[in-house]
């Protein structure tokens, strides 16, 4: 084969998968592969990688449908390779190659770094390679990464989950929670900021359970609160977000750290799942509606302008009309700026899949529509409240599907709201990665519009990088799994920051 081999990655599912795909790209580039040119059809790449999800409805049908469309391409180009990884691969294992025998490699959630070697072995042996591990081979963040964005970066602080929610298959596919050491996390953030990144999102399946095994209880602070404060001392890091926290582990010191650390954004995504205590118990969600609402009240007291978003499942087995009414009540009281709502569908391998009293589809659909209507009403009211306010935006790409037609650009406010704005009234061209201040003129359920001239425009190194077509790359950080034992403590905090620290979303 002449020239460097090219790869394309198709990512399904959550933010963890998006970040894992950056790691996959990193290990492939390190092994000598090159990303396929932008705009090229996926099937034209020498390697097509599917990073899959097992949570979304019809995930299996989506994957196997896409694999089926590649079958004639593979037959015409025998040298092309196809790899399937992620949660669905971890679940289905050799079933993937049984249903799609033209697939060359199947790998799981625990051995992302093995992909180049598995591809070479498949080519050498002339047969499919299926390698699924039951525990982490290497912590994903120790692998090199080719980042998707010049201005915003994912930083994994933990992988896995210790919860046992009856609707969720993730713990069986991602394993038990493993936390990174604080110094490694801050080191990765520092590398991103050095490359011009302005915003990081701390990632974990249960992000605020971080560090329970090594935090110093005598301080009265949690390790996650200390980590947020440490991020506040990273020079050049303008925005910090995190996802997703669990209400059970939400503590007052985390809320205080959010309020007192200037670069931690006034935004909180906290899954509710249901407002019914009876349903929450059946889900094995270890909090109740009153506890959830108390957290919401405490957040709003500390950060009156914070935007709250959530996840809600409608039609969990046994959900009655009274249970659903409780969900509507909690949603209305919480005043979410946005809710990601899902109709329950059974996931094989989860306890909920075999529960009695599965709710009829038409009932689930009716409740879903009523919940969406309520949430859209509240989202509209919240976005209309922004009209007249000055909003600071990190300009983004790919956020506004109609930007070309409306001659607008798009960005996210500090509270995570999507804002479409008119890029006029400034001397220099505005680029993704730059920071602008605009005045909101219109609120819709899913976005805010700012149609007047831009009030202020700040060009950034992230904007320079985006304009030049370059993306941050982070090298391998550390070797193997994190060492066991208690890590070095974070520097002592004073006020809003950390002293002497060594250390930068869908519509």
Protein backbone atom coordinates (compact mmCIF):
# COMPACT_ATOMS: atom_id res chain seq x y z
CA UNK A 1 0.00 0.00 0.00
CA UNK A 2 1.42 3.35 -1.05
CA UNK A 3 1.38 6.31 1.36
CA UNK A 4 0.00 6.52 4.86
CA UNK A 5 -3.15 4.58 5.59
CA UNK A 6 -6.20 6.71 6.51
CA UNK A 7 -8.83 6.16 9.19
CA UNK A 8 -12.30 7.46 9.98
CA UNK A 9 -14.08 7.05 13.33
CA UNK A 10 -17.85 7.04 13.77
CA UNK A 11 -18.88 7.69 17.36
CA UNK A 12 -22.21 6.75 18.93
CA UNK A 13 -23.38 7.62 22.43
CA UNK A 14 -22.18 9.68 25.36
CA UNK A 15 -19.37 12.15 26.04
CA UNK A 16 -17.20 9.31 27.36
CA UNK A 17 -17.36 7.71 23.93
CA UNK A 18 -16.54 11.00 22.22
CA UNK A 19 -13.44 11.31 24.39
CA UNK A 20 -12.54 7.63 23.85
CA UNK A 21 -12.64 8.33 20.11
CA UNK A 22 -10.07 11.09 20.61
CA UNK A 23 -7.88 8.47 22.30
CA UNK A 24 -8.46 6.02 19.45
CA UNK A 25 -7.39 8.70 16.99
CA UNK A 26 -4.30 9.36 19.12
CA UNK A 27 -3.12 5.76 19.21
CA UNK A 28 -3.76 5.35 15.48
CA UNK A 29 -1.77 8.47 14.60
CA UNK A 30 1.03 7.25 16.88
CA UNK A 31 0.99 3.95 14.96
CA UNK A 32 1.41 5.74 11.61
CA UNK A 33 -2.17 6.12 10.44
CA UNK A 34 -3.53 9.46 9.20
CA UNK A 35 -7.03 10.91 9.66
CA UNK A 36 -9.10 10.78 6.49
CA UNK A 37 -9.44 14.21 4.86
CA UNK A 38 -12.40 16.26 6.06
CA UNK A 39 -15.34 15.90 3.71
CA UNK A 40 -14.26 12.47 2.49
CA UNK A 41 -16.89 9.75 2.68
CA UNK A 42 -16.32 7.43 5.64
CA UNK A 43 -16.31 4.35 3.42
CA UNK A 44 -13.38 5.74 1.42
CA UNK A 45 -11.01 5.48 4.41
CA UNK A 46 -8.59 2.55 4.67
CA UNK A 47 -9.88 1.91 8.18
CA UNK A 48 -13.38 2.55 9.54
CA UNK A 49 -13.79 2.38 13.32
CA UNK A 50 -17.19 2.27 15.03
CA UNK A 51 -17.11 3.37 18.68
CA UNK A 52 -20.45 2.06 19.86
CA UNK A 53 -23.08 2.65 22.54
CA UNK A 54 -25.22 0.00 24.25
CA UNK A 55 -27.52 2.43 26.07
CA UNK A 56 -29.47 4.13 23.30
CA UNK A 57 -32.58 2.49 21.91
CA UNK A 58 -31.97 0.43 18.77
CA UNK A 59 -28.18 0.72 19.21
CA UNK A 60 -27.76 -2.80 17.81
CA UNK A 61 -29.86 -2.13 14.72
CA UNK A 62 -28.00 1.13 14.05
CA UNK A 63 -24.58 -0.53 14.19
CA UNK A 64 -25.42 -3.59 12.15
CA UNK A 65 -27.22 -1.46 9.59
CA UNK A 66 -24.10 0.66 9.12
CA UNK A 67 -21.91 -2.44 8.96
CA UNK A 68 -24.24 -3.90 6.33
CA UNK A 69 -23.80 -0.83 4.14
CA UNK A 70 -20.02 -1.32 4.31
CA UNK A 71 -20.15 -4.97 3.24
CA UNK A 72 -20.09 -4.30 -0.55
CA UNK A 73 -17.38 -1.66 -0.05
CA UNK A 74 -15.24 -4.19 1.82
CA UNK A 75 -15.87 -6.80 -0.88
CA UNK A 76 -14.62 -4.36 -3.52
CA UNK A 77 -11.65 -3.26 -1.37
CA UNK A 78 -10.37 -6.32 0.53
CA UNK A 79 -7.50 -4.30 2.04
CA UNK A 80 -9.93 -2.00 3.85
CA UNK A 81 -10.24 -2.78 7.56
CA UNK A 82 -13.28 -2.38 9.82
CA UNK A 83 -13.09 -2.28 13.61
CA UNK A 84 -15.89 -2.21 16.20
CA UNK A 85 -15.25 -1.03 19.76
CA UNK A 86 -17.07 0.54 22.69
CA UNK A 87 -19.91 -0.62 24.92
CA UNK A 88 -21.86 -2.64 22.34
CA UNK A 89 -18.67 -4.48 21.36
CA UNK A 90 -17.99 -5.19 25.04
CA UNK A 91 -21.51 -6.64 25.31
CA UNK A 92 -21.81 -8.53 22.01
CA UNK A 93 -18.19 -9.74 21.68
CA UNK A 94 -17.87 -12.40 18.96
CA UNK A 95 -21.53 -11.89 18.02
CA UNK A 96 -20.29 -8.89 16.02
CA UNK A 97 -18.19 -11.03 13.69
CA UNK A 98 -20.92 -13.69 13.55
CA UNK A 99 -23.44 -11.15 12.30
CA UNK A 100 -20.91 -9.18 10.22
CA UNK A 101 -18.07 -11.54 9.23
CA UNK A 102 -16.38 -8.80 7.18
CA UNK A 103 -15.41 -6.99 10.40
CA UNK A 104 -11.67 -7.32 11.09
CA UNK A 105 -11.36 -6.31 14.77
CA UNK A 106 -13.65 -6.25 17.80
CA UNK A 107 -12.32 -4.61 20.96
CA UNK A 108 -13.95 -3.50 24.19
CA UNK A 109 -14.03 -0.59 26.59
CA UNK A 110 -10.99 -1.77 28.55
CA UNK A 111 -8.38 -2.10 25.79
CA UNK A 112 -8.68 0.97 23.56
CA UNK A 113 -4.89 1.14 23.25
CA UNK A 114 -4.71 -2.34 21.68
CA UNK A 115 -6.41 -1.32 18.43
CA UNK A 116 -3.26 -0.82 16.27
CA UNK A 117 -1.81 -4.19 17.32
CA UNK A 118 -5.12 -5.96 16.72
CA UNK A 119 -5.38 -4.43 13.24
CA UNK A 120 -1.88 -5.60 12.37
CA UNK A 121 -2.59 -9.07 13.74
CA UNK A 122 -5.82 -9.30 11.72
CA UNK A 123 -3.95 -8.30 8.56
CA UNK A 124 -1.11 -10.74 9.21
CA UNK A 125 -3.30 -13.70 10.19
CA UNK A 126 -6.00 -13.04 7.63
CA UNK A 127 -8.78 -13.51 10.19
CA UNK A 128 -10.85 -11.40 12.55
CA UNK A 129 -9.42 -10.56 15.96
CA UNK A 130 -11.81 -10.34 18.93
CA UNK A 131 -10.25 -9.14 22.17
CA UNK A 132 -12.48 -8.21 25.10
CA UNK A 133 -10.90 -7.62 28.52
CA UNK A 134 -12.76 -7.69 31.83
CA UNK A 135 -10.66 -4.97 33.46
CA UNK A 136 -8.72 -1.90 32.35
CA UNK A 137 -5.49 -2.65 30.53
CA UNK A 138 -4.36 1.00 30.59
CA UNK A 139 -6.22 3.99 31.99
CA UNK A 140 -7.61 5.66 28.83
CA UNK A 141 -6.19 9.07 29.73
CA UNK A 142 -2.69 7.60 29.69
CA UNK A 143 -3.05 7.08 25.95
CA UNK A 144 -2.23 9.78 23.39
CA UNK A 145 -5.16 11.80 22.09
CA UNK A 146 -5.90 13.71 18.93
CA UNK A 147 -8.43 16.31 20.09
CA UNK A 148 -11.50 17.25 18.08
CA UNK A 149 -11.61 20.88 19.22
CA UNK A 150 -9.04 23.68 19.37
CA UNK A 151 -10.91 25.49 22.16
CA UNK A 152 -12.66 22.88 24.33
CA UNK A 153 -11.31 19.64 25.77
CA UNK A 154 -12.59 16.56 27.59
CA UNK A 155 -10.60 15.45 30.65
CA UNK A 156 -11.48 12.10 32.19
CA UNK A 157 -11.11 12.03 35.98
CA UNK A 158 -12.51 8.52 36.47
CA UNK A 159 -13.86 5.57 34.53
CA UNK A 160 -16.42 2.98 35.53
CA UNK A 161 -19.31 3.15 37.96
CA UNK A 162 -20.07 1.59 41.36
CA UNK A 163 -23.83 2.20 41.19
CA UNK A 164 -26.39 -0.52 40.40
CA UNK A 165 -29.23 1.36 38.72
CA UNK A 166 -31.65 -1.27 37.46
CA UNK A 167 -32.12 0.36 34.03
CA UNK A 168 -28.42 0.82 33.25
CA UNK A 169 -25.99 -1.58 31.61
CA UNK A 170 -22.96 0.73 31.84
CA UNK A 171 -21.41 -0.69 35.07
CA UNK A 172 -21.24 -4.18 33.56
CA UNK A 173 -19.53 -2.79 30.44
CA UNK A 174 -17.29 -0.07 31.93
CA UNK A 175 -16.43 -1.87 35.18
CA UNK A 176 -15.94 -0.55 38.71
CA UNK A 177 -14.94 3.06 39.24
CA UNK A 178 -11.23 3.84 38.97
CA UNK A 179 -10.03 7.37 39.78
CA UNK A 180 -7.04 9.23 38.42
CA UNK A 181 -4.65 11.05 40.70
CA UNK A 182 -5.26 14.82 40.96
CA UNK A 183 -1.77 15.68 39.72
CA UNK A 184 -2.29 13.70 36.51
CA UNK A 185 -5.61 15.43 35.87
CA UNK A 186 -4.15 18.90 36.44
CA UNK A 187 -1.16 17.99 34.29
CA UNK A 188 -3.39 17.05 31.37
CA UNK A 189 -5.38 20.27 31.82
CA UNK A 190 -2.12 22.25 31.81
CA UNK A 191 -1.09 20.65 28.51
CA UNK A 192 -4.42 21.55 26.94
CA UNK A 193 -4.19 25.15 28.14
CA UNK A 194 -0.63 25.39 26.82
CA UNK A 195 -2.11 24.49 23.42
CA UNK A 196 -4.64 27.32 23.70
CA UNK A 197 -7.68 25.42 24.99
CA UNK A 198 -10.01 27.72 26.97
CA UNK A 199 -12.56 25.25 28.33
CA UNK A 200 -12.39 21.77 29.84
CA UNK A 201 -15.14 19.38 30.85
CA UNK A 202 -14.29 16.93 33.64
CA UNK A 203 -15.73 13.52 32.76
CA UNK A 204 -16.85 10.59 34.88
CA UNK A 205 -19.78 8.19 34.98
CA UNK A 206 -20.35 9.50 38.51
CA UNK A 207 -18.05 12.49 38.52
CA UNK A 208 -18.71 13.77 42.03
CA UNK A 209 -17.88 10.41 43.62
CA UNK A 210 -14.32 11.13 42.56
CA UNK A 211 -11.59 10.41 45.10
CA UNK A 212 -13.72 8.87 47.84
CA UNK A 213 -10.96 6.33 48.47
CA UNK A 214 -8.21 8.88 49.03
CA UNK A 215 -9.79 12.14 50.19
CA UNK A 216 -8.84 13.52 53.60
CA UNK A 217 -12.09 13.45 55.58
CA UNK A 218 -10.48 15.52 58.36
CA UNK A 219 -10.59 18.63 56.13
CA UNK A 220 -14.35 18.42 55.78
CA UNK A 221 -13.93 18.74 51.99
CA UNK A 222 -14.42 16.17 49.26
CA UNK A 223 -11.72 15.39 46.71
CA UNK A 224 -13.98 16.60 43.90
CA UNK A 225 -14.50 19.99 45.54
CA UNK A 226 -10.74 20.30 45.99
CA UNK A 227 -10.22 19.40 42.33
CA UNK A 228 -12.65 22.11 41.20
CA UNK A 229 -10.81 24.68 43.30
CA UNK A 230 -7.47 23.52 41.90
CA UNK A 231 -8.82 24.06 38.38
CA UNK A 232 -9.51 27.64 39.43
CA UNK A 233 -5.80 28.29 39.77
CA UNK A 234 -4.89 27.14 36.26
CA UNK A 235 -3.76 30.31 34.49
CA UNK A 236 -5.41 30.67 31.10
CA UNK A 237 -8.24 28.21 31.83
CA UNK A 238 -11.43 30.24 31.40
CA UNK A 239 -14.21 27.68 31.75
CA UNK A 240 -14.61 24.45 33.71
CA UNK A 241 -17.63 22.17 33.38
CA UNK A 242 -18.26 18.63 34.61
CA UNK A 243 -20.61 15.75 33.85
CA UNK A 244 -22.38 13.83 35.19
CA UNK A 245 -22.83 14.04 38.96
CA UNK A 246 -25.05 11.75 41.01
CA UNK A 247 -27.46 13.36 43.51
CA UNK A 248 -26.46 10.83 46.18
CA UNK A 249 -22.89 12.15 46.22
CA UNK A 250 -23.69 15.84 45.86
CA UNK A 251 -22.24 17.74 48.81
CA UNK A 252 -22.44 21.32 50.01
CA UNK A 253 -18.69 21.82 49.64
CA UNK A 254 -18.97 21.08 45.90
CA UNK A 255 -21.67 23.73 45.56
CA UNK A 256 -19.51 26.19 47.51
CA UNK A 257 -16.50 25.38 45.31
CA UNK A 258 -18.61 25.97 42.19
CA UNK A 259 -19.82 29.33 43.49
CA UNK A 260 -16.41 30.53 44.71
CA UNK A 261 -14.22 29.37 41.81
CA UNK A 262 -14.55 31.97 39.02
CA UNK A 263 -13.78 29.71 36.08
CA UNK A 264 -16.23 26.97 37.15
CA UNK A 265 -19.30 27.65 35.03
CA UNK A 266 -22.71 28.30 36.63
CA UNK A 267 -24.15 25.20 35.05
CA UNK A 268 -25.18 21.86 36.53
CA UNK A 269 -26.35 18.75 34.71
CA UNK A 270 -27.78 16.43 37.38
CA UNK A 271 -29.89 13.42 36.30
CA UNK A 272 -33.28 13.19 38.02
CA UNK A 273 -34.58 10.09 36.15
CA UNK A 274 -37.92 10.22 38.03
CA UNK A 275 -39.71 12.44 40.53
CA UNK A 276 -41.49 9.51 42.16
CA UNK A 277 -39.90 8.06 45.29
CA UNK A 278 -41.45 4.70 44.54
CA UNK A 279 -39.96 4.62 41.04
CA UNK A 280 -36.60 5.91 42.26
CA UNK A 281 -36.48 3.01 44.71
CA UNK A 282 -37.29 0.54 41.92
CA UNK A 283 -34.53 2.13 39.85
CA UNK A 284 -32.11 1.73 42.79
CA UNK A 285 -31.45 5.45 42.73
CA UNK A 286 -30.18 6.15 46.24
CA UNK A 287 -31.94 9.51 46.78
CA UNK A 288 -35.52 10.67 46.86
CA UNK A 289 -37.34 13.64 45.34
CA UNK A 290 -37.02 15.79 48.46
CA UNK A 291 -33.24 15.31 48.52
CA UNK A 292 -33.01 16.25 44.85
CA UNK A 293 -35.04 19.42 45.34
CA UNK A 294 -32.94 20.37 48.36
CA UNK A 295 -29.80 20.23 46.18
CA UNK A 296 -31.52 22.36 43.54
CA UNK A 297 -32.49 24.94 46.18
CA UNK A 298 -28.96 25.05 47.59
CA UNK A 299 -27.46 25.50 44.10
CA UNK A 300 -29.85 28.34 43.30
CA UNK A 301 -29.12 30.05 46.60
CA UNK A 302 -25.37 29.91 45.97
CA UNK A 303 -25.62 30.68 42.21
CA UNK A 304 -28.92 32.42 41.42
CA UNK A 305 -28.24 32.53 37.67
CA UNK A 306 -27.11 28.90 37.34
CA UNK A 307 -28.70 26.86 34.56
CA UNK A 308 -29.76 23.34 35.55
CA UNK A 309 -30.27 20.49 33.11
CA UNK A 310 -31.27 16.88 33.70
CA UNK A 311 -32.08 13.41 32.34
CA UNK A 312 -35.53 11.85 32.82
CA UNK A 313 -36.85 8.39 31.96
CA UNK A 314 -40.57 8.11 31.20
CA UNK A 315 -42.47 4.83 31.50
CA UNK A 316 -40.18 2.85 33.81
CA UNK A 317 -41.80 -0.53 34.64
CA UNK A 318 -44.62 -0.08 37.13
CA UNK A 319 -44.82 3.71 36.71
CA UNK A 320 -48.38 4.84 37.46
CA UNK A 321 -50.12 8.06 36.52
CA UNK A 322 -49.56 9.20 40.11
CA UNK A 323 -45.83 8.48 39.80
CA UNK A 324 -45.69 10.45 36.58
CA UNK A 325 -47.53 13.36 38.20
CA UNK A 326 -44.77 13.45 40.83
CA UNK A 327 -42.18 13.71 38.05
CA UNK A 328 -44.05 16.66 36.52
CA UNK A 329 -44.19 18.32 39.95
CA UNK A 330 -40.44 17.98 40.55
CA UNK A 331 -39.65 19.16 37.00
CA UNK A 332 -41.83 22.23 37.45
CA UNK A 333 -40.29 23.06 40.83
CA UNK A 334 -36.73 22.54 39.57
CA UNK A 335 -37.17 24.90 36.59
CA UNK A 336 -34.64 23.13 34.37
CA UNK A 337 -33.28 25.09 31.44
CA UNK A 338 -33.27 21.85 29.46
CA UNK A 339 -34.16 18.20 30.04
CA UNK A 340 -33.00 15.20 28.06
CA UNK A 341 -36.07 12.96 28.15
CA UNK A 342 -36.13 9.29 27.22
CA UNK A 343 -38.87 6.73 26.80
CA UNK A 344 -37.94 3.63 28.78
CA UNK A 345 -36.98 0.63 26.70
CA UNK A 346 -35.72 -2.67 28.16
CA UNK A 347 -32.00 -3.36 27.95
CA UNK A 348 -31.11 -7.07 27.96
CA UNK A 349 -28.84 -7.82 30.89
CA UNK A 350 -30.36 -5.17 33.18
CA UNK A 351 -32.63 -6.02 36.15
CA UNK A 352 -35.35 -3.65 34.91
CA UNK A 353 -35.73 -5.62 31.67
CA UNK A 354 -37.40 -8.47 33.54
CA UNK A 355 -39.53 -6.40 35.93
CA UNK A 356 -43.31 -6.91 35.77
CA UNK A 357 -45.78 -4.19 34.82
CA UNK A 358 -44.01 -2.92 31.71
CA UNK A 359 -45.89 0.24 30.72
CA UNK A 360 -47.78 0.09 27.38
CA UNK A 361 -46.09 1.95 24.55
CA UNK A 362 -49.02 4.30 23.94
CA UNK A 363 -49.10 5.30 27.61
CA UNK A 364 -45.37 5.98 27.60
CA UNK A 365 -45.73 8.08 24.45
CA UNK A 366 -48.54 10.15 25.96
CA UNK A 367 -46.56 10.84 29.15
CA UNK A 368 -43.45 11.63 27.16
CA UNK A 369 -45.29 14.23 25.09
CA UNK A 370 -46.77 15.84 28.20
CA UNK A 371 -43.36 16.04 29.87
CA UNK A 372 -41.74 17.52 26.76
CA UNK A 373 -44.51 20.12 26.50
CA UNK A 374 -44.00 21.17 30.14
CA UNK A 375 -40.24 21.36 29.77
CA UNK A 376 -40.42 23.34 26.53
CA UNK A 377 -42.68 25.84 28.26
CA UNK A 378 -40.14 26.30 31.06
CA UNK A 379 -37.17 26.36 28.67
CA UNK A 380 -38.87 29.09 26.65
CA UNK A 381 -39.56 31.15 29.78
CA UNK A 382 -35.95 30.77 30.95
CA UNK A 383 -34.50 31.77 27.61
CA UNK A 384 -36.82 34.77 27.32
CA UNK A 385 -35.48 35.93 30.68
CA UNK A 386 -32.09 36.31 28.96
CA UNK A 387 -33.39 39.01 26.59
CA UNK A 388 -31.59 42.29 27.23
CA UNK A 389 -28.72 40.63 29.14
CA UNK A 390 -25.10 40.74 28.04
CA UNK A 391 -23.80 37.22 27.45
CA UNK A 392 -20.19 36.12 27.08
CA UNK A 393 -19.89 33.39 24.44
CA UNK A 394 -17.18 30.96 23.50
CA UNK A 395 -17.72 30.83 19.74
CA UNK A 396 -18.17 27.27 18.51
CA UNK A 397 -18.46 25.37 15.28
CA UNK A 398 -21.22 22.92 14.39
CA UNK A 399 -23.67 24.28 16.97
CA UNK A 400 -26.00 26.13 14.60
CA UNK A 401 -27.43 24.08 11.76
CA UNK A 402 -28.93 27.18 10.12
CA UNK A 403 -25.96 29.52 10.64
CA UNK A 404 -25.08 29.67 6.95
CA UNK A 405 -28.65 30.51 5.92
CA UNK A 406 -29.16 33.09 8.67
CA UNK A 407 -25.62 34.51 8.42
CA UNK A 408 -25.17 33.98 12.13
CA UNK A 409 -22.54 32.26 14.24
CA UNK A 410 -23.12 30.28 17.43
CA UNK A 411 -21.56 29.84 20.83
CA UNK A 412 -22.21 28.76 24.38
CA UNK A 413 -22.80 31.18 27.24
CA UNK A 414 -21.10 30.50 30.54
CA UNK A 415 -24.23 28.76 31.81
CA UNK A 416 -24.22 26.46 28.78
CA UNK A 417 -27.07 28.07 26.86
CA UNK A 418 -26.80 27.93 23.08
CA UNK A 419 -26.75 31.42 21.56
CA UNK A 420 -26.95 32.30 17.85
CA UNK A 421 -25.55 35.77 17.11
CA UNK A 422 -24.90 38.12 14.22
CA UNK A 423 -21.12 38.58 13.78
CA UNK A 424 -21.27 42.29 12.94
CA UNK A 425 -19.98 45.50 14.47
CA UNK A 426 -16.36 44.41 14.99
CA UNK A 427 -13.22 45.17 13.02
CA UNK A 428 -11.72 41.69 12.79
CA UNK A 429 -13.21 38.40 11.64
CA UNK A 430 -14.72 36.30 14.44
CA UNK A 431 -13.59 32.68 14.49
CA UNK A 432 -14.60 29.56 16.45
CA UNK A 433 -12.51 29.64 19.61
CA UNK A 434 -12.76 33.41 19.99
CA UNK A 435 -14.74 35.01 22.83
CA UNK A 436 -17.48 37.57 22.20
CA UNK A 437 -19.96 39.53 24.30
CA UNK A 438 -23.44 40.00 22.84
CA UNK A 439 -26.84 41.25 24.00
CA UNK A 440 -29.67 38.74 23.81
CA UNK A 441 -32.66 39.87 21.71
CA UNK A 442 -34.89 36.79 21.51
CA UNK A 443 -35.51 33.57 23.42
CA UNK A 444 -36.74 30.27 21.96
CA UNK A 445 -37.18 26.91 23.74
CA UNK A 446 -33.80 25.54 22.67
CA UNK A 447 -31.68 28.63 22.07
CA UNK A 448 -31.22 32.35 22.49
CA UNK A 449 -30.69 34.83 19.63
CA UNK A 450 -28.54 37.99 19.73
CA UNK A 451 -29.12 39.92 16.51
CA UNK A 452 -27.50 43.24 17.34
CA UNK A 453 -23.86 44.12 16.80
CA UNK A 454 -21.29 42.24 18.85
CA UNK A 455 -20.40 44.33 21.90
CA UNK A 456 -16.88 42.96 22.39
CA UNK A 457 -14.63 40.54 20.51
CA UNK A 458 -11.47 38.94 21.88
CA UNK A 459 -9.27 36.97 19.52
CA UNK A 460 -7.65 33.94 21.15
CA UNK A 461 -4.94 31.39 20.53
CA UNK A 462 -7.73 28.82 20.23
CA UNK A 463 -9.22 30.89 17.41
CA UNK A 464 -5.78 31.07 15.76
CA UNK A 465 -5.47 27.28 15.98
CA UNK A 466 -8.94 26.69 14.58
CA UNK A 467 -8.27 29.08 11.72
CA UNK A 468 -5.00 27.27 10.97
CA UNK A 469 -6.72 23.88 11.07
CA UNK A 470 -4.62 22.58 13.95
CA UNK A 471 -5.91 20.64 16.96
CA UNK A 472 -4.31 19.94 20.34
CA UNK A 473 -2.66 16.59 20.84
CA UNK A 474 -1.83 15.19 24.24
CA UNK A 475 0.92 12.58 24.54
CA UNK A 476 0.90 9.51 26.74
CA UNK A 477 0.55 10.55 30.39
CA UNK A 478 2.08 8.11 32.87
CA UNK A 479 2.32 4.37 32.33
CA UNK A 480 -0.28 1.70 33.12
CA UNK A 481 -3.00 2.04 35.71
CA UNK A 482 -2.86 4.69 38.42
CA UNK A 483 -0.74 3.65 41.36
CA UNK A 484 -2.68 2.50 44.39
CA UNK A 485 -2.56 4.27 47.71
CA UNK A 486 -3.19 7.79 48.86
CA UNK A 487 -1.98 10.48 46.41
CA UNK A 488 -0.14 13.61 47.31
CA UNK A 489 -2.60 16.17 48.72
CA UNK A 490 -3.71 19.09 46.63
CA UNK A 491 -2.23 22.42 47.69
CA UNK A 492 -4.07 24.13 50.54
CA UNK A 493 -6.89 26.35 49.37
CA UNK A 494 -7.36 29.96 50.30
CA UNK A 495 -10.53 31.75 49.30
CA UNK A 496 -11.47 30.96 45.71
CA UNK A 497 -8.28 29.42 44.43
CA UNK A 498 -5.36 27.14 45.11
CA UNK A 499 -2.05 28.44 46.33
CA UNK A 500 1.17 27.42 44.59
CA UNK A 501 -0.50 24.96 42.24
CA UNK A 502 1.75 23.72 39.44
CA UNK A 503 -0.83 24.00 37.05
CA UNK A 504 -6.84 25.18 30.89
CA UNK A 505 -21.93 20.57 24.61
CA UNK A 506 -25.79 19.36 22.01
CA UNK A 507 -28.37 21.78 21.28
